Amino acid sequence: MGRRRRPRLLLGVFLIAVGAIIILSMILPAGFWWFILGLGLIALGIWFLRC
């Protein structure tokens, strides 16, 4: 039998990701975050074009 997804799975993944971002924001410089934002926007644009 397949495992059923727990309803709190997405919440847990979201909280882990937010915690990692908060910890990284204390360590990494501000220029890095602008670079990541640019990459994310480009990837999102490509994804929208393909859908």
PDB file of N, CA and C in Angstrom:
ATOM      1  N   MET A   1       0.827  -1.178   0.000  1.00  0.00           N
ATOM      2  CA  MET A   1       0.000   0.000   0.000  1.00  0.00           C
ATOM      3  C   MET A   1       0.875   1.247   0.000  1.00  0.00           C
ATOM      4  N   GLY A   2       0.415   2.280  -0.692  1.00  0.00           N
ATOM      5  CA  GLY A   2       1.159   3.535  -0.730  1.00  0.00           C
ATOM      6  C   GLY A   2       0.965   4.334   0.543  1.00  0.00           C
ATOM      7  N   ARG A   3       1.933   5.139   0.819  1.00  0.00           N
ATOM      8  CA  ARG A   3       1.832   5.989   2.007  1.00  0.00           C
ATOM      9  C   ARG A   3       0.974   7.200   1.689  1.00  0.00           C
ATOM     10  N   ARG A   4       0.112   7.532   2.614  1.00  0.00           N
ATOM     11  CA  ARG A   4      -0.711   8.722   2.437  1.00  0.00           C
ATOM     12  C   ARG A   4       0.061   9.939   2.914  1.00  0.00           C
ATOM     13  N   ARG A   5      -0.103  11.039   2.186  1.00  0.00           N
ATOM     14  CA  ARG A   5       0.561  12.268   2.603  1.00  0.00           C
ATOM     15  C   ARG A   5      -0.143  12.851   3.814  1.00  0.00           C
ATOM     16  N   ARG A   6       0.643  13.262   4.746  1.00  0.00           N
ATOM     17  CA  ARG A   6       0.078  13.920   5.915  1.00  0.00           C
ATOM     18  C   ARG A   6      -0.240  15.359   5.555  1.00  0.00           C
ATOM     19  N   PRO A   7      -1.314  15.895   6.067  1.00  0.00           N
ATOM     20  CA  PRO A   7      -1.682  17.271   5.710  1.00  0.00           C
ATOM     21  C   PRO A   7      -0.668  18.306   6.182  1.00  0.00           C
ATOM     22  N   ARG A   8       0.112  17.973   7.185  1.00  0.00           N
ATOM     23  CA  ARG A   8       1.089  18.929   7.713  1.00  0.00           C
ATOM     24  C   ARG A   8       2.432  18.851   7.009  1.00  0.00           C
ATOM     25  N   LEU A   9       2.547  18.009   5.987  1.00  0.00           N
ATOM     26  CA  LEU A   9       3.820  17.832   5.302  1.00  0.00           C
ATOM     27  C   LEU A   9       4.284  19.133   4.660  1.00  0.00           C
ATOM     28  N   LEU A  10       3.393  19.814   3.934  1.00  0.00           N
ATOM     29  CA  LEU A  10       3.778  21.062   3.279  1.00  0.00           C
ATOM     30  C   LEU A  10       4.132  22.143   4.294  1.00  0.00           C
ATOM     31  N   LEU A  11       3.421  22.203   5.389  1.00  0.00           N
ATOM     32  CA  LEU A  11       3.731  23.171   6.430  1.00  0.00           C
ATOM     33  C   LEU A  11       5.119  22.908   7.012  1.00  0.00           C
ATOM     34  N   GLY A  12       5.440  21.664   7.244  1.00  0.00           N
ATOM     35  CA  GLY A  12       6.759  21.319   7.777  1.00  0.00           C
ATOM     36  C   GLY A  12       7.873  21.673   6.825  1.00  0.00           C
ATOM     37  N   VAL A  13       7.692  21.379   5.542  1.00  0.00           N
ATOM     38  CA  VAL A  13       8.702  21.726   4.547  1.00  0.00           C
ATOM     39  C   VAL A  13       8.863  23.244   4.466  1.00  0.00           C
ATOM     40  N   PHE A  14       7.749  23.971   4.512  1.00  0.00           N
ATOM     41  CA  PHE A  14       7.796  25.429   4.468  1.00  0.00           C
ATOM     42  C   PHE A  14       8.555  25.989   5.669  1.00  0.00           C
ATOM     43  N   LEU A  15       8.283  25.482   6.852  1.00  0.00           N
ATOM     44  CA  LEU A  15       8.951  25.978   8.051  1.00  0.00           C
ATOM     45  C   LEU A  15      10.449  25.681   8.033  1.00  0.00           C
ATOM     46  N   ILE A  16      10.831  24.531   7.538  1.00  0.00           N
ATOM     47  CA  ILE A  16      12.251  24.193   7.429  1.00  0.00           C
ATOM     48  C   ILE A  16      12.943  25.129   6.449  1.00  0.00           C
ATOM     49  N   ALA A  17      12.297  25.397   5.301  1.00  0.00           N
ATOM     50  CA  ALA A  17      12.882  26.290   4.303  1.00  0.00           C
ATOM     51  C   ALA A  17      13.028  27.707   4.841  1.00  0.00           C
ATOM     52  N   VAL A  18      12.013  28.202   5.551  1.00  0.00           N
ATOM     53  CA  VAL A  18      12.082  29.554   6.114  1.00  0.00           C
ATOM     54  C   VAL A  18      13.190  29.627   7.168  1.00  0.00           C
ATOM     55  N   GLY A  19      13.302  28.617   7.986  1.00  0.00           N
ATOM     56  CA  GLY A  19      14.370  28.596   8.988  1.00  0.00           C
ATOM     57  C   GLY A  19      15.747  28.600   8.356  1.00  0.00           C
ATOM     58  N   ALA A  20      15.931  27.840   7.291  1.00  0.00           N
ATOM     59  CA  ALA A  20      17.217  27.808   6.596  1.00  0.00           C
ATOM     60  C   ALA A  20      17.526  29.172   5.979  1.00  0.00           C
ATOM     61  N   ILE A  21      16.520  29.823   5.407  1.00  0.00           N
ATOM     62  CA  ILE A  21      16.734  31.137   4.812  1.00  0.00           C
ATOM     63  C   ILE A  21      17.111  32.161   5.877  1.00  0.00           C
ATOM     64  N   ILE A  22      16.471  32.099   7.030  1.00  0.00           N
ATOM     65  CA  ILE A  22      16.800  33.037   8.116  1.00  0.00           C
ATOM     66  C   ILE A  22      18.232  32.839   8.585  1.00  0.00           C
ATOM     67  N   ILE A  23      18.644  31.600   8.746  1.00  0.00           N
ATOM     68  CA  ILE A  23      20.015  31.332   9.191  1.00  0.00           C
ATOM     69  C   ILE A  23      21.019  31.779   8.135  1.00  0.00           C
ATOM     70  N   LEU A  24      20.737  31.494   6.857  1.00  0.00           N
ATOM     71  CA  LEU A  24      21.649  31.903   5.792  1.00  0.00           C
ATOM     72  C   LEU A  24      21.708  33.426   5.647  1.00  0.00           C
ATOM     73  N   SER A  25      20.597  34.113   5.907  1.00  0.00           N
ATOM     74  CA  SER A  25      20.597  35.569   5.774  1.00  0.00           C
ATOM     75  C   SER A  25      21.504  36.229   6.801  1.00  0.00           C
ATOM     76  N   MET A  26      21.753  35.573   7.916  1.00  0.00           N
ATOM     77  CA  MET A  26      22.665  36.121   8.912  1.00  0.00           C
ATOM     78  C   MET A  26      24.116  35.926   8.498  1.00  0.00           C
ATOM     79  N   ILE A  27      24.388  34.950   7.637  1.00  0.00           N
ATOM     80  CA  ILE A  27      25.757  34.602   7.275  1.00  0.00           C
ATOM     81  C   ILE A  27      26.179  35.235   5.952  1.00  0.00           C
ATOM     82  N   LEU A  28      25.303  35.175   4.943  1.00  0.00           N
ATOM     83  CA  LEU A  28      25.672  35.590   3.594  1.00  0.00           C
ATOM     84  C   LEU A  28      25.440  37.077   3.373  1.00  0.00           C
ATOM     85  N   PRO A  29      26.237  37.711   2.479  1.00  0.00           N
ATOM     86  CA  PRO A  29      26.087  39.145   2.215  1.00  0.00           C
ATOM     87  C   PRO A  29      24.828  39.458   1.405  1.00  0.00           C
ATOM     88  N   ALA A  30      24.437  40.737   1.399  1.00  0.00           N
ATOM     89  CA  ALA A  30      23.200  41.156   0.730  1.00  0.00           C
ATOM     90  C   ALA A  30      23.272  40.950  -0.788  1.00  0.00           C
ATOM     91  N   GLY A  31      24.440  41.114  -1.386  1.00  0.00           N
ATOM     92  CA  GLY A  31      24.586  40.931  -2.830  1.00  0.00           C
ATOM     93  C   GLY A  31      24.211  39.531  -3.277  1.00  0.00           C
ATOM     94  N   PHE A  32      24.453  38.556  -2.449  1.00  0.00           N
ATOM     95  CA  PHE A  32      24.108  37.174  -2.781  1.00  0.00           C
ATOM     96  C   PHE A  32      22.605  37.016  -2.959  1.00  0.00           C
ATOM     97  N   TRP A  33      21.830  37.673  -2.111  1.00  0.00           N
ATOM     98  CA  TRP A  33      20.374  37.531  -2.169  1.00  0.00           C
ATOM     99  C   TRP A  33      19.802  38.174  -3.420  1.00  0.00           C
ATOM    100  N   TRP A  34      20.397  39.280  -3.903  1.00  0.00           N
ATOM    101  CA  TRP A  34      19.947  39.869  -5.166  1.00  0.00           C
ATOM    102  C   TRP A  34      20.232  38.928  -6.326  1.00  0.00           C
ATOM    103  N   PHE A  35      21.379  38.240  -6.276  1.00  0.00           N
ATOM    104  CA  PHE A  35      21.735  37.265  -7.302  1.00  0.00           C
ATOM    105  C   PHE A  35      20.734  36.115  -7.310  1.00  0.00           C
ATOM    106  N   ILE A  36      20.390  35.602  -6.139  1.00  0.00           N
ATOM    107  CA  ILE A  36      19.424  34.507  -6.034  1.00  0.00           C
ATOM    108  C   ILE A  36      18.044  34.963  -6.510  1.00  0.00           C
ATOM    109  N   LEU A  37      17.643  36.192  -6.174  1.00  0.00           N
ATOM    110  CA  LEU A  37      16.364  36.718  -6.630  1.00  0.00           C
ATOM    111  C   LEU A  37      16.325  36.797  -8.151  1.00  0.00           C
ATOM    112  N   GLY A  38      17.398  37.264  -8.762  1.00  0.00           N
ATOM    113  CA  GLY A  38      17.466  37.327 -10.221  1.00  0.00           C
ATOM    114  C   GLY A  38      17.359  35.954 -10.850  1.00  0.00           C
ATOM    115  N   LEU A  39      18.074  34.989 -10.303  1.00  0.00           N
ATOM    116  CA  LEU A  39      17.998  33.619 -10.832  1.00  0.00           C
ATOM    117  C   LEU A  39      16.591  33.045 -10.682  1.00  0.00           C
ATOM    118  N   GLY A  40      15.983  33.312  -9.554  1.00  0.00           N
ATOM    119  CA  GLY A  40      14.624  32.817  -9.323  1.00  0.00           C
ATOM    120  C   GLY A  40      13.620  33.412 -10.294  1.00  0.00           C
ATOM    121  N   LEU A  41      13.741  34.710 -10.556  1.00  0.00           N
ATOM    122  CA  LEU A  41      12.825  35.356 -11.497  1.00  0.00           C
ATOM    123  C   LEU A  41      13.016  34.829 -12.922  1.00  0.00           C
ATOM    124  N   ILE A  42      14.255  34.603 -13.315  1.00  0.00           N
ATOM    125  CA  ILE A  42      14.519  34.039 -14.637  1.00  0.00           C
ATOM    126  C   ILE A  42      13.937  32.634 -14.739  1.00  0.00           C
ATOM    127  N   ALA A  43      14.148  31.818 -13.721  1.00  0.00           N
ATOM    128  CA  ALA A  43      13.614  30.452 -13.727  1.00  0.00           C
ATOM    129  C   ALA A  43      12.088  30.464 -13.746  1.00  0.00           C
ATOM    130  N   LEU A  44      11.476  31.364 -12.996  1.00  0.00           N
ATOM    131  CA  LEU A  44      10.019  31.475 -12.982  1.00  0.00           C
ATOM    132  C   LEU A  44       9.498  31.905 -14.350  1.00  0.00           C
ATOM    133  N   GLY A  45      10.180  32.843 -14.993  1.00  0.00           N
ATOM    134  CA  GLY A  45       9.786  33.271 -16.331  1.00  0.00           C
ATOM    135  C   GLY A  45       9.877  32.152 -17.351  1.00  0.00           C
ATOM    136  N   ILE A  46      10.947  31.378 -17.289  1.00  0.00           N
ATOM    137  CA  ILE A  46      11.099  30.238 -18.204  1.00  0.00           C
ATOM    138  C   ILE A  46      10.006  29.203 -17.947  1.00  0.00           C
ATOM    139  N   TRP A  47       9.702  28.970 -16.682  1.00  0.00           N
ATOM    140  CA  TRP A  47       8.654  28.001 -16.343  1.00  0.00           C
ATOM    141  C   TRP A  47       7.304  28.455 -16.883  1.00  0.00           C
ATOM    142  N   PHE A  48       6.999  29.761 -16.747  1.00  0.00           N
ATOM    143  CA  PHE A  48       5.731  30.289 -17.267  1.00  0.00           C
ATOM    144  C   PHE A  48       5.676  30.162 -18.786  1.00  0.00           C
ATOM    145  N   LEU A  49       6.791  30.374 -19.469  1.00  0.00           N
ATOM    146  CA  LEU A  49       6.808  30.260 -20.927  1.00  0.00           C
ATOM    147  C   LEU A  49       6.573  28.824 -21.389  1.00  0.00           C
ATOM    148  N   ARG A  50       7.025  27.864 -20.624  1.00  0.00           N
ATOM    149  CA  ARG A  50       6.899  26.456 -21.005  1.00  0.00           C
ATOM    150  C   ARG A  50       5.518  25.897 -20.713  1.00  0.00           C
ATOM    151  N   CYS A  51       4.785  26.495 -19.782  1.00  0.00           N
ATOM    152  CA  CYS A  51       3.457  25.993 -19.408  1.00  0.00           C
ATOM    153  C   CYS A  51       2.389  26.463 -20.360  1.00  0.00           C
TER     154      CYS A  51
END
